[in-house]
Amino acid sequence: DVTDQAQVDAMAAQLPAQLDVLFNDAGGAFGQENVEDANLDEWNKMY
């Protein structure tokens, strides 16, 4: 889970010393409301 530093550290420890490509694809959208109706918890998840 890329939102968890400990898990990212554990992931990195399993990788070789040299890498050729990192493709940062993990992401997503949550909700599509106007700002006045926004669920800021979903904004936080997106960030």
All heavy atoms as atom14 arrays in JSON, in Angstrom:
{
  "sequence": "DVTDQAQVDAMAAQLPAQLDVLFNDAGGAFGQENVEDANLDEWNKMY",
  "atom14_mask": [
    [1, 1, 1, 1, 1, 1, 1, 1, 0, 0, 0, 0, 0, 0],
    [1, 1, 1, 1, 1, 1, 1, 0, 0, 0, 0, 0, 0, 0],
    [1, 1, 1, 1, 1, 1, 1, 0, 0, 0, 0, 0, 0, 0],
    [1, 1, 1, 1, 1, 1, 1, 1, 0, 0, 0, 0, 0, 0],
    [1, 1, 1, 1, 1, 1, 1, 1, 1, 0, 0, 0, 0, 0],
    [1, 1, 1, 1, 1, 0, 0, 0, 0, 0, 0, 0, 0, 0],
    [1, 1, 1, 1, 1, 1, 1, 1, 1, 0, 0, 0, 0, 0],
    [1, 1, 1, 1, 1, 1, 1, 0, 0, 0, 0, 0, 0, 0],
    [1, 1, 1, 1, 1, 1, 1, 1, 0, 0, 0, 0, 0, 0],
    [1, 1, 1, 1, 1, 0, 0, 0, 0, 0, 0, 0, 0, 0],
    [1, 1, 1, 1, 1, 1, 1, 1, 0, 0, 0, 0, 0, 0],
    [1, 1, 1, 1, 1, 0, 0, 0, 0, 0, 0, 0, 0, 0],
    [1, 1, 1, 1, 1, 0, 0, 0, 0, 0, 0, 0, 0, 0],
    [1, 1, 1, 1, 1, 1, 1, 1, 1, 0, 0, 0, 0, 0],
    [1, 1, 1, 1, 1, 1, 1, 1, 0, 0, 0, 0, 0, 0],
    [1, 1, 1, 1, 1, 1, 1, 0, 0, 0, 0, 0, 0, 0],
    [1, 1, 1, 1, 1, 0, 0, 0, 0, 0, 0, 0, 0, 0],
    [1, 1, 1, 1, 1, 1, 1, 1, 1, 0, 0, 0, 0, 0],
    [1, 1, 1, 1, 1, 1, 1, 1, 0, 0, 0, 0, 0, 0],
    [1, 1, 1, 1, 1, 1, 1, 1, 0, 0, 0, 0, 0, 0],
    [1, 1, 1, 1, 1, 1, 1, 0, 0, 0, 0, 0, 0, 0],
    [1, 1, 1, 1, 1, 1, 1, 1, 0, 0, 0, 0, 0, 0],
    [1, 1, 1, 1, 1, 1, 1, 1, 1, 1, 1, 0, 0, 0],
    [1, 1, 1, 1, 1, 1, 1, 1, 0, 0, 0, 0, 0, 0],
    [1, 1, 1, 1, 1, 1, 1, 1, 0, 0, 0, 0, 0, 0],
    [1, 1, 1, 1, 1, 0, 0, 0, 0, 0, 0, 0, 0, 0],
    [1, 1, 1, 1, 0, 0, 0, 0, 0, 0, 0, 0, 0, 0],
    [1, 1, 1, 1, 0, 0, 0, 0, 0, 0, 0, 0, 0, 0],
    [1, 1, 1, 1, 1, 0, 0, 0, 0, 0, 0, 0, 0, 0],
    [1, 1, 1, 1, 1, 1, 1, 1, 1, 1, 1, 0, 0, 0],
    [1, 1, 1, 1, 0, 0, 0, 0, 0, 0, 0, 0, 0, 0],
    [1, 1, 1, 1, 1, 1, 1, 1, 1, 0, 0, 0, 0, 0],
    [1, 1, 1, 1, 1, 1, 1, 1, 1, 0, 0, 0, 0, 0],
    [1, 1, 1, 1, 1, 1, 1, 1, 0, 0, 0, 0, 0, 0],
    [1, 1, 1, 1, 1, 1, 1, 0, 0, 0, 0, 0, 0, 0],
    [1, 1, 1, 1, 1, 1, 1, 1, 1, 0, 0, 0, 0, 0],
    [1, 1, 1, 1, 1, 1, 1, 1, 0, 0, 0, 0, 0, 0],
    [1, 1, 1, 1, 1, 0, 0, 0, 0, 0, 0, 0, 0, 0],
    [1, 1, 1, 1, 1, 1, 1, 1, 0, 0, 0, 0, 0, 0],
    [1, 1, 1, 1, 1, 1, 1, 1, 0, 0, 0, 0, 0, 0],
    [1, 1, 1, 1, 1, 1, 1, 1, 0, 0, 0, 0, 0, 0],
    [1, 1, 1, 1, 1, 1, 1, 1, 1, 0, 0, 0, 0, 0],
    [1, 1, 1, 1, 1, 1, 1, 1, 1, 1, 1, 1, 1, 1],
    [1, 1, 1, 1, 1, 1, 1, 1, 0, 0, 0, 0, 0, 0],
    [1, 1, 1, 1, 1, 1, 1, 1, 1, 0, 0, 0, 0, 0],
    [1, 1, 1, 1, 1, 1, 1, 1, 0, 0, 0, 0, 0, 0],
    [1, 1, 1, 1, 1, 1, 1, 1, 1, 1, 1, 1, 0, 0]
  ],
  "atom14_positions": [
    [[0.87, -1.17, 0.0], [0.0, 0.0, 0.0], [0.91, 1.22, 0.0], [1.64, 1.47, 0.98], [-0.89, -0.02, 1.25], [-1.83, 1.17, 1.33], [-1.64, 2.15, 0.58], [-2.75, 1.13, 2.16], [0.0, 0.0, 0.0], [0.0, 0.0, 0.0], [0.0, 0.0, 0.0], [0.0, 0.0, 0.0], [0.0, 0.0, 0.0], [0.0, 0.0, 0.0]],
    [[0.9, 1.98, -1.09], [1.87, 3.08, -1.24], [1.59, 4.23, -0.27], [2.43, 5.14, -0.16], [1.91, 3.61, -2.69], [2.3, 2.49, -3.65], [0.6, 4.26, -3.1], [0.0, 0.0, 0.0], [0.0, 0.0, 0.0], [0.0, 0.0, 0.0], [0.0, 0.0, 0.0], [0.0, 0.0, 0.0], [0.0, 0.0, 0.0], [0.0, 0.0, 0.0]],
    [[0.45, 4.2, 0.42], [0.19, 5.25, 1.41], [0.78, 4.92, 2.78], [0.66, 5.71, 3.7], [-1.33, 5.49, 1.57], [-1.95, 4.35, 2.16], [-1.99, 5.78, 0.23], [0.0, 0.0, 0.0], [0.0, 0.0, 0.0], [0.0, 0.0, 0.0], [0.0, 0.0, 0.0], [0.0, 0.0, 0.0], [0.0, 0.0, 0.0], [0.0, 0.0, 0.0]],
    [[1.43, 3.77, 2.9], [2.0, 3.3, 4.17], [3.52, 3.25, 4.04], [4.06, 2.43, 3.28], [1.43, 1.92, 4.49], [1.87, 1.39, 5.85], [3.08, 1.42, 6.14], [1.0, 0.92, 6.61], [0.0, 0.0, 0.0], [0.0, 0.0, 0.0], [0.0, 0.0, 0.0], [0.0, 0.0, 0.0], [0.0, 0.0, 0.0], [0.0, 0.0, 0.0]],
    [[4.22, 4.11, 4.78], [5.68, 4.19, 4.65], [6.36, 2.87, 4.98], [7.32, 2.47, 4.31], [6.23, 5.3, 5.56], [7.73, 5.53, 5.4], [8.09, 6.04, 4.01], [7.54, 7.05, 3.56], [9.01, 5.37, 3.33], [0.0, 0.0, 0.0], [0.0, 0.0, 0.0], [0.0, 0.0, 0.0], [0.0, 0.0, 0.0], [0.0, 0.0, 0.0]],
    [[5.9, 2.17, 6.01], [6.53, 0.9, 6.39], [6.42, -0.12, 5.26], [7.36, -0.87, 4.99], [5.9, 0.36, 7.67], [0.0, 0.0, 0.0], [0.0, 0.0, 0.0], [0.0, 0.0, 0.0], [0.0, 0.0, 0.0], [0.0, 0.0, 0.0], [0.0, 0.0, 0.0], [0.0, 0.0, 0.0], [0.0, 0.0, 0.0], [0.0, 0.0, 0.0]],
    [[5.26, -0.14, 4.59], [5.09, -1.08, 3.48], [5.96, -0.69, 2.29], [6.5, -1.56, 1.6], [3.62, -1.16, 3.07], [2.73, -1.82, 4.11], [1.34, -2.11, 3.59], [1.16, -2.57, 2.47], [0.33, -1.82, 4.42], [0.0, 0.0, 0.0], [0.0, 0.0, 0.0], [0.0, 0.0, 0.0], [0.0, 0.0, 0.0], [0.0, 0.0, 0.0]],
    [[6.09, 0.59, 2.04], [6.97, 1.04, 0.95], [8.42, 0.68, 1.24], [9.15, 0.21, 0.37], [6.82, 2.56, 0.71], [7.87, 3.08, -0.26], [5.42, 2.86, 0.17], [0.0, 0.0, 0.0], [0.0, 0.0, 0.0], [0.0, 0.0, 0.0], [0.0, 0.0, 0.0], [0.0, 0.0, 0.0], [0.0, 0.0, 0.0], [0.0, 0.0, 0.0]],
    [[8.85, 0.86, 2.48], [10.22, 0.49, 2.86], [10.44, -1.0, 2.68], [11.49, -1.44, 2.19], [10.49, 0.88, 4.31], [10.54, 2.39, 4.53], [10.72, 3.13, 3.53], [10.4, 2.82, 5.69], [0.0, 0.0, 0.0], [0.0, 0.0, 0.0], [0.0, 0.0, 0.0], [0.0, 0.0, 0.0], [0.0, 0.0, 0.0], [0.0, 0.0, 0.0]],
    [[9.44, -1.81, 3.07], [9.56, -3.26, 2.93], [9.59, -3.66, 1.46], [10.33, -4.58, 1.06], [8.4, -3.95, 3.64], [0.0, 0.0, 0.0], [0.0, 0.0, 0.0], [0.0, 0.0, 0.0], [0.0, 0.0, 0.0], [0.0, 0.0, 0.0], [0.0, 0.0, 0.0], [0.0, 0.0, 0.0], [0.0, 0.0, 0.0], [0.0, 0.0, 0.0]],
    [[8.8, -2.98, 0.63], [8.81, -3.23, -0.81], [10.17, -2.93, -1.41], [10.75, -3.72, -2.15], [7.73, -2.4, -1.48], [7.65, -2.5, -3.0], [8.63, -1.25, -3.87], [7.73, 0.24, -3.45], [0.0, 0.0, 0.0], [0.0, 0.0, 0.0], [0.0, 0.0, 0.0], [0.0, 0.0, 0.0], [0.0, 0.0, 0.0], [0.0, 0.0, 0.0]],
    [[10.73, -1.76, -1.05], [12.03, -1.35, -1.59], [13.12, -2.35, -1.23], [14.01, -2.63, -2.03], [12.38, 0.05, -1.07], [0.0, 0.0, 0.0], [0.0, 0.0, 0.0], [0.0, 0.0, 0.0], [0.0, 0.0, 0.0], [0.0, 0.0, 0.0], [0.0, 0.0, 0.0], [0.0, 0.0, 0.0], [0.0, 0.0, 0.0], [0.0, 0.0, 0.0]],
    [[13.03, -2.91, -0.03], [14.04, -3.86, 0.42], [14.04, -5.15, -0.39], [15.04, -5.9, -0.38], [13.83, -4.18, 1.89], [0.0, 0.0, 0.0], [0.0, 0.0, 0.0], [0.0, 0.0, 0.0], [0.0, 0.0, 0.0], [0.0, 0.0, 0.0], [0.0, 0.0, 0.0], [0.0, 0.0, 0.0], [0.0, 0.0, 0.0], [0.0, 0.0, 0.0]],
    [[12.96, -5.43, -1.11], [12.86, -6.64, -1.91], [13.34, -6.45, -3.35], [13.35, -7.41, -4.13], [11.41, -7.15, -1.93], [10.87, -7.52, -0.56], [9.42, -7.93, -0.63], [9.06, -8.89, -1.3], [8.56, -7.18, 0.07], [0.0, 0.0, 0.0], [0.0, 0.0, 0.0], [0.0, 0.0, 0.0], [0.0, 0.0, 0.0], [0.0, 0.0, 0.0]],
    [[13.73, -5.23, -3.69], [14.1, -4.92, -5.07], [15.61, -4.95, -5.26], [16.37, -4.76, -4.3], [13.55, -3.53, -5.44], [12.03, -3.41, -5.45], [11.61, -1.96, -5.62], [11.43, -4.27, -6.54], [0.0, 0.0, 0.0], [0.0, 0.0, 0.0], [0.0, 0.0, 0.0], [0.0, 0.0, 0.0], [0.0, 0.0, 0.0], [0.0, 0.0, 0.0]],
    [[16.05, -5.16, -6.5], [17.5, -5.17, -6.76], [18.1, -3.78, -6.59], [17.4, -2.77, -6.55], [17.59, -5.65, -8.22], [16.26, -5.33, -8.81], [15.26, -5.47, -7.71], [0.0, 0.0, 0.0], [0.0, 0.0, 0.0], [0.0, 0.0, 0.0], [0.0, 0.0, 0.0], [0.0, 0.0, 0.0], [0.0, 0.0, 0.0], [0.0, 0.0, 0.0]],
    [[19.42, -3.74, -6.52], [20.13, -2.48, -6.28], [20.02, -1.52, -7.45], [20.2, -0.31, -7.28], [21.61, -2.77, -5.97], [0.0, 0.0, 0.0], [0.0, 0.0, 0.0], [0.0, 0.0, 0.0], [0.0, 0.0, 0.0], [0.0, 0.0, 0.0], [0.0, 0.0, 0.0], [0.0, 0.0, 0.0], [0.0, 0.0, 0.0], [0.0, 0.0, 0.0]],
    [[19.75, -2.05, -8.64], [19.63, -1.21, -9.84], [18.28, -1.47, -10.5], [17.88, -2.61, -10.69], [20.75, -1.5, -10.83], [22.14, -1.18, -10.31], [23.21, -1.39, -11.37], [22.94, -1.61, -12.54], [24.46, -1.31, -10.95], [0.0, 0.0, 0.0], [0.0, 0.0, 0.0], [0.0, 0.0, 0.0], [0.0, 0.0, 0.0], [0.0, 0.0, 0.0]],
    [[17.59, -0.38, -10.85], [16.33, -0.47, -11.57], [16.4, 0.38, -12.82], [17.06, 1.43, -12.84], [15.17, 0.03, -10.69], [14.85, -0.77, -9.44], [13.83, 0.0, -8.58], [14.3, -2.15, -9.8], [0.0, 0.0, 0.0], [0.0, 0.0, 0.0], [0.0, 0.0, 0.0], [0.0, 0.0, 0.0], [0.0, 0.0, 0.0], [0.0, 0.0, 0.0]],
    [[15.68, -0.07, -13.84], [15.66, 0.69, -15.09], [14.44, 1.58, -15.23], [14.52, 2.65, -15.84], [15.73, -0.29, -16.28], [17.03, -1.05, -16.32], [18.05, -0.46, -16.68], [17.03, -2.24, -15.94], [0.0, 0.0, 0.0], [0.0, 0.0, 0.0], [0.0, 0.0, 0.0], [0.0, 0.0, 0.0], [0.0, 0.0, 0.0], [0.0, 0.0, 0.0]],
    [[13.31, 1.15, -14.68], [12.06, 1.91, -14.84], [11.25, 1.84, -13.55], [11.12, 0.77, -12.95], [11.21, 1.34, -15.99], [9.85, 2.06, -16.06], [11.93, 1.45, -17.33], [0.0, 0.0, 0.0], [0.0, 0.0, 0.0], [0.0, 0.0, 0.0], [0.0, 0.0, 0.0], [0.0, 0.0, 0.0], [0.0, 0.0, 0.0], [0.0, 0.0, 0.0]],
    [[10.72, 2.99, -13.15], [9.67, 3.05, -12.14], [8.47, 3.71, -12.78], [8.55, 4.86, -13.22], [10.1, 3.85, -10.91], [8.96, 4.22, -9.93], [8.25, 2.99, -9.4], [9.48, 5.09, -8.79], [0.0, 0.0, 0.0], [0.0, 0.0, 0.0], [0.0, 0.0, 0.0], [0.0, 0.0, 0.0], [0.0, 0.0, 0.0], [0.0, 0.0, 0.0]],
    [[7.37, 2.96, -12.88], [6.13, 3.51, -13.41], [5.17, 3.75, -12.26], [4.61, 2.82, -11.68], [5.52, 2.56, -14.45], [4.22, 3.05, -15.04], [4.07, 4.35, -15.47], [3.15, 2.18, -15.17], [2.87, 4.81, -16.01], [1.94, 2.62, -15.72], [1.81, 3.94, -16.14], [0.0, 0.0, 0.0], [0.0, 0.0, 0.0], [0.0, 0.0, 0.0]],
    [[4.98, 5.01, -11.92], [4.08, 5.41, -10.83], [2.66, 5.48, -11.36], [2.2, 6.51, -11.87], [4.5, 6.78, -10.28], [5.68, 6.7, -9.34], [5.63, 5.99, -8.35], [6.73, 7.45, -9.65], [0.0, 0.0, 0.0], [0.0, 0.0, 0.0], [0.0, 0.0, 0.0], [0.0, 0.0, 0.0], [0.0, 0.0, 0.0], [0.0, 0.0, 0.0]],
    [[1.95, 4.36, -11.23], [0.57, 4.29, -11.72], [-0.45, 4.33, -10.59], [-1.58, 4.74, -10.8], [0.37, 2.99, -12.53], [-1.08, 2.77, -12.9], [-1.58, 3.5, -13.77], [-1.72, 1.86, -12.32], [0.0, 0.0, 0.0], [0.0, 0.0, 0.0], [0.0, 0.0, 0.0], [0.0, 0.0, 0.0], [0.0, 0.0, 0.0], [0.0, 0.0, 0.0]],
    [[-0.07, 3.92, -9.39], [-1.03, 3.86, -8.29], [-1.68, 5.22, -8.09], [-1.01, 6.25, -7.94], [-0.34, 3.42, -7.0], [0.0, 0.0, 0.0], [0.0, 0.0, 0.0], [0.0, 0.0, 0.0], [0.0, 0.0, 0.0], [0.0, 0.0, 0.0], [0.0, 0.0, 0.0], [0.0, 0.0, 0.0], [0.0, 0.0, 0.0], [0.0, 0.0, 0.0]],
    [[-3.01, 5.24, -8.13], [-3.74, 6.5, -8.0], [-5.21, 6.24, -8.13], [-5.66, 5.09, -8.15], [0.0, 0.0, 0.0], [0.0, 0.0, 0.0], [0.0, 0.0, 0.0], [0.0, 0.0, 0.0], [0.0, 0.0, 0.0], [0.0, 0.0, 0.0], [0.0, 0.0, 0.0], [0.0, 0.0, 0.0], [0.0, 0.0, 0.0], [0.0, 0.0, 0.0]],
    [[-5.99, 7.3, -8.26], [-7.42, 7.12, -8.43], [-8.2, 8.36, -8.06], [-7.66, 9.31, -7.47], [0.0, 0.0, 0.0], [0.0, 0.0, 0.0], [0.0, 0.0, 0.0], [0.0, 0.0, 0.0], [0.0, 0.0, 0.0], [0.0, 0.0, 0.0], [0.0, 0.0, 0.0], [0.0, 0.0, 0.0], [0.0, 0.0, 0.0], [0.0, 0.0, 0.0]],
    [[-9.47, 8.34, -8.44], [-10.38, 9.45, -8.15], [-11.5, 8.93, -7.26], [-11.96, 7.79, -7.42], [-10.97, 10.02, -9.43], [0.0, 0.0, 0.0], [0.0, 0.0, 0.0], [0.0, 0.0, 0.0], [0.0, 0.0, 0.0], [0.0, 0.0, 0.0], [0.0, 0.0, 0.0], [0.0, 0.0, 0.0], [0.0, 0.0, 0.0], [0.0, 0.0, 0.0]],
    [[-11.95, 9.78, -6.34], [-13.05, 9.43, -5.44], [-14.04, 10.59, -5.41], [-13.72, 11.66, -4.9], [-12.53, 9.13, -4.03], [-11.46, 8.08, -3.99], [-10.13, 8.45, -3.85], [-11.77, 6.74, -4.11], [-9.13, 7.49, -3.83], [-10.78, 5.78, -4.11], [-9.46, 6.15, -3.96], [0.0, 0.0, 0.0], [0.0, 0.0, 0.0], [0.0, 0.0, 0.0]],
    [[-15.21, 10.37, -5.97], [-16.24, 11.39, -5.96], [-16.08, 12.42, -7.07], [-15.01, 12.58, -7.64], [0.0, 0.0, 0.0], [0.0, 0.0, 0.0], [0.0, 0.0, 0.0], [0.0, 0.0, 0.0], [0.0, 0.0, 0.0], [0.0, 0.0, 0.0], [0.0, 0.0, 0.0], [0.0, 0.0, 0.0], [0.0, 0.0, 0.0], [0.0, 0.0, 0.0]],
    [[-17.2, 13.09, -7.37], [-17.18, 14.18, -8.36], [-18.25, 15.2, -7.99], [-19.18, 15.45, -8.73], [-17.39, 13.64, -9.79], [-17.1, 14.69, -10.86], [-17.11, 14.1, -12.26], [-16.63, 13.0, -12.48], [-17.68, 14.83, -13.21], [0.0, 0.0, 0.0], [0.0, 0.0, 0.0], [0.0, 0.0, 0.0], [0.0, 0.0, 0.0], [0.0, 0.0, 0.0]],
    [[-18.08, 15.79, -6.82], [-19.03, 16.78, -6.34], [-18.44, 18.18, -6.45], [-17.23, 18.36, -6.45], [-19.39, 16.51, -4.86], [-20.14, 15.22, -4.63], [-19.22, 14.01, -4.6], [-18.05, 14.16, -4.2], [-19.68, 12.92, -5.01], [0.0, 0.0, 0.0], [0.0, 0.0, 0.0], [0.0, 0.0, 0.0], [0.0, 0.0, 0.0], [0.0, 0.0, 0.0]],
    [[-19.33, 19.17, -6.53], [-18.87, 20.55, -6.46], [-18.19, 20.8, -5.12], [-18.46, 20.11, -4.13], [-20.05, 21.51, -6.62], [-20.62, 21.5, -8.03], [-20.08, 20.86, -8.93], [-21.73, 22.21, -8.21], [0.0, 0.0, 0.0], [0.0, 0.0, 0.0], [0.0, 0.0, 0.0], [0.0, 0.0, 0.0], [0.0, 0.0, 0.0], [0.0, 0.0, 0.0]],
    [[-17.36, 21.81, -5.07], [-16.59, 22.08, -3.86], [-17.51, 22.29, -2.65], [-17.23, 21.79, -1.55], [-15.67, 23.31, -4.06], [-14.98, 23.68, -2.75], [-14.63, 23.02, -5.14], [0.0, 0.0, 0.0], [0.0, 0.0, 0.0], [0.0, 0.0, 0.0], [0.0, 0.0, 0.0], [0.0, 0.0, 0.0], [0.0, 0.0, 0.0], [0.0, 0.0, 0.0]],
    [[-18.63, 22.98, -2.85], [-19.52, 23.24, -1.7], [-20.13, 21.97, -1.12], [-20.56, 21.95, 0.03], [-20.61, 24.22, -2.11], [-21.55, 23.71, -3.17], [-22.59, 24.75, -3.57], [-22.97, 25.56, -2.7], [-22.99, 24.76, -4.75], [0.0, 0.0, 0.0], [0.0, 0.0, 0.0], [0.0, 0.0, 0.0], [0.0, 0.0, 0.0], [0.0, 0.0, 0.0]],
    [[-20.13, 20.89, -1.93], [-20.69, 19.62, -1.46], [-19.61, 18.56, -1.27], [-19.91, 17.38, -1.06], [-21.71, 19.09, -2.48], [-22.86, 20.06, -2.69], [-23.38, 20.58, -1.68], [-23.22, 20.31, -3.86], [0.0, 0.0, 0.0], [0.0, 0.0, 0.0], [0.0, 0.0, 0.0], [0.0, 0.0, 0.0], [0.0, 0.0, 0.0], [0.0, 0.0, 0.0]],
    [[-18.36, 18.95, -1.34], [-17.25, 17.99, -1.38], [-17.11, 17.2, -0.08], [-17.31, 17.74, 1.02], [-15.94, 18.71, -1.68], [0.0, 0.0, 0.0], [0.0, 0.0, 0.0], [0.0, 0.0, 0.0], [0.0, 0.0, 0.0], [0.0, 0.0, 0.0], [0.0, 0.0, 0.0], [0.0, 0.0, 0.0], [0.0, 0.0, 0.0], [0.0, 0.0, 0.0]],
    [[-16.76, 15.95, -0.23], [-16.39, 15.1, 0.9], [-14.87, 15.22, 1.05], [-14.11, 14.62, 0.28], [-16.81, 13.66, 0.63], [-16.44, 12.72, 1.76], [-15.54, 12.97, 2.54], [-17.16, 11.6, 1.85], [0.0, 0.0, 0.0], [0.0, 0.0, 0.0], [0.0, 0.0, 0.0], [0.0, 0.0, 0.0], [0.0, 0.0, 0.0], [0.0, 0.0, 0.0]],
    [[-14.41, 15.98, 2.01], [-12.98, 16.25, 2.13], [-12.19, 15.02, 2.57], [-10.97, 14.96, 2.35], [-12.74, 17.43, 3.06], [-13.33, 18.76, 2.56], [-12.93, 19.9, 3.5], [-12.89, 19.08, 1.13], [0.0, 0.0, 0.0], [0.0, 0.0, 0.0], [0.0, 0.0, 0.0], [0.0, 0.0, 0.0], [0.0, 0.0, 0.0], [0.0, 0.0, 0.0]],
    [[-12.86, 14.05, 3.15], [-12.17, 12.79, 3.45], [-11.75, 12.11, 2.14], [-10.67, 11.51, 2.06], [-13.08, 11.84, 4.25], [-13.28, 12.31, 5.68], [-12.42, 13.08, 6.18], [-14.28, 11.92, 6.3], [0.0, 0.0, 0.0], [0.0, 0.0, 0.0], [0.0, 0.0, 0.0], [0.0, 0.0, 0.0], [0.0, 0.0, 0.0], [0.0, 0.0, 0.0]],
    [[-12.59, 12.23, 1.1], [-12.23, 11.66, -0.19], [-11.11, 12.47, -0.84], [-10.24, 11.9, -1.5], [-13.46, 11.59, -1.1], [-14.47, 10.54, -0.64], [-15.59, 10.33, -1.62], [-15.88, 11.25, -2.41], [-16.18, 9.23, -1.6], [0.0, 0.0, 0.0], [0.0, 0.0, 0.0], [0.0, 0.0, 0.0], [0.0, 0.0, 0.0], [0.0, 0.0, 0.0]],
    [[-11.12, 13.77, -0.66], [-10.01, 14.58, -1.15], [-8.7, 14.13, -0.49], [-7.66, 14.01, -1.15], [-10.24, 16.06, -0.84], [-11.22, 16.76, -1.72], [-12.33, 16.23, -2.3], [-11.17, 18.13, -2.12], [-12.99, 17.18, -3.02], [-12.31, 18.36, -2.94], [-10.3, 19.17, -1.86], [-12.57, 19.61, -3.5], [-10.57, 20.42, -2.42], [-11.69, 20.63, -3.22]],
    [[-8.77, 13.89, 0.8], [-7.57, 13.44, 1.52], [-7.08, 12.1, 0.98], [-5.88, 11.9, 0.81], [-7.87, 13.35, 3.01], [-6.64, 13.0, 3.82], [-5.61, 13.66, 3.71], [-6.72, 11.97, 4.63], [0.0, 0.0, 0.0], [0.0, 0.0, 0.0], [0.0, 0.0, 0.0], [0.0, 0.0, 0.0], [0.0, 0.0, 0.0], [0.0, 0.0, 0.0]],
    [[-8.01, 11.19, 0.71], [-7.63, 9.89, 0.13], [-6.94, 10.08, -1.22], [-5.93, 9.42, -1.51], [-8.87, 9.01, -0.05], [-9.39, 8.37, 1.22], [-10.75, 7.73, 1.01], [-10.73, 6.67, -0.06], [-12.07, 6.04, -0.23], [0.0, 0.0, 0.0], [0.0, 0.0, 0.0], [0.0, 0.0, 0.0], [0.0, 0.0, 0.0], [0.0, 0.0, 0.0]],
    [[-7.46, 10.98, -2.04], [-6.84, 11.22, -3.35], [-5.45, 11.81, -3.2], [-4.52, 11.44, -3.94], [-7.73, 12.15, -4.19], [-8.97, 11.46, -4.72], [-9.91, 12.45, -5.92], [-10.82, 13.56, -4.82], [0.0, 0.0, 0.0], [0.0, 0.0, 0.0], [0.0, 0.0, 0.0], [0.0, 0.0, 0.0], [0.0, 0.0, 0.0], [0.0, 0.0, 0.0]],
    [[-5.28, 12.71, -2.26], [-3.98, 13.33, -2.06], [-2.99, 12.3, -1.5], [-1.84, 12.22, -1.94], [-4.08, 14.53, -1.11], [-2.9, 15.47, -1.23], [-2.89, 16.48, -2.17], [-1.79, 15.33, -0.4], [-1.8, 17.33, -2.3], [-0.7, 16.17, -0.51], [-0.71, 17.18, -1.47], [0.38, 17.99, -1.58], [0.0, 0.0, 0.0], [0.0, 0.0, 0.0]]
  ]
}
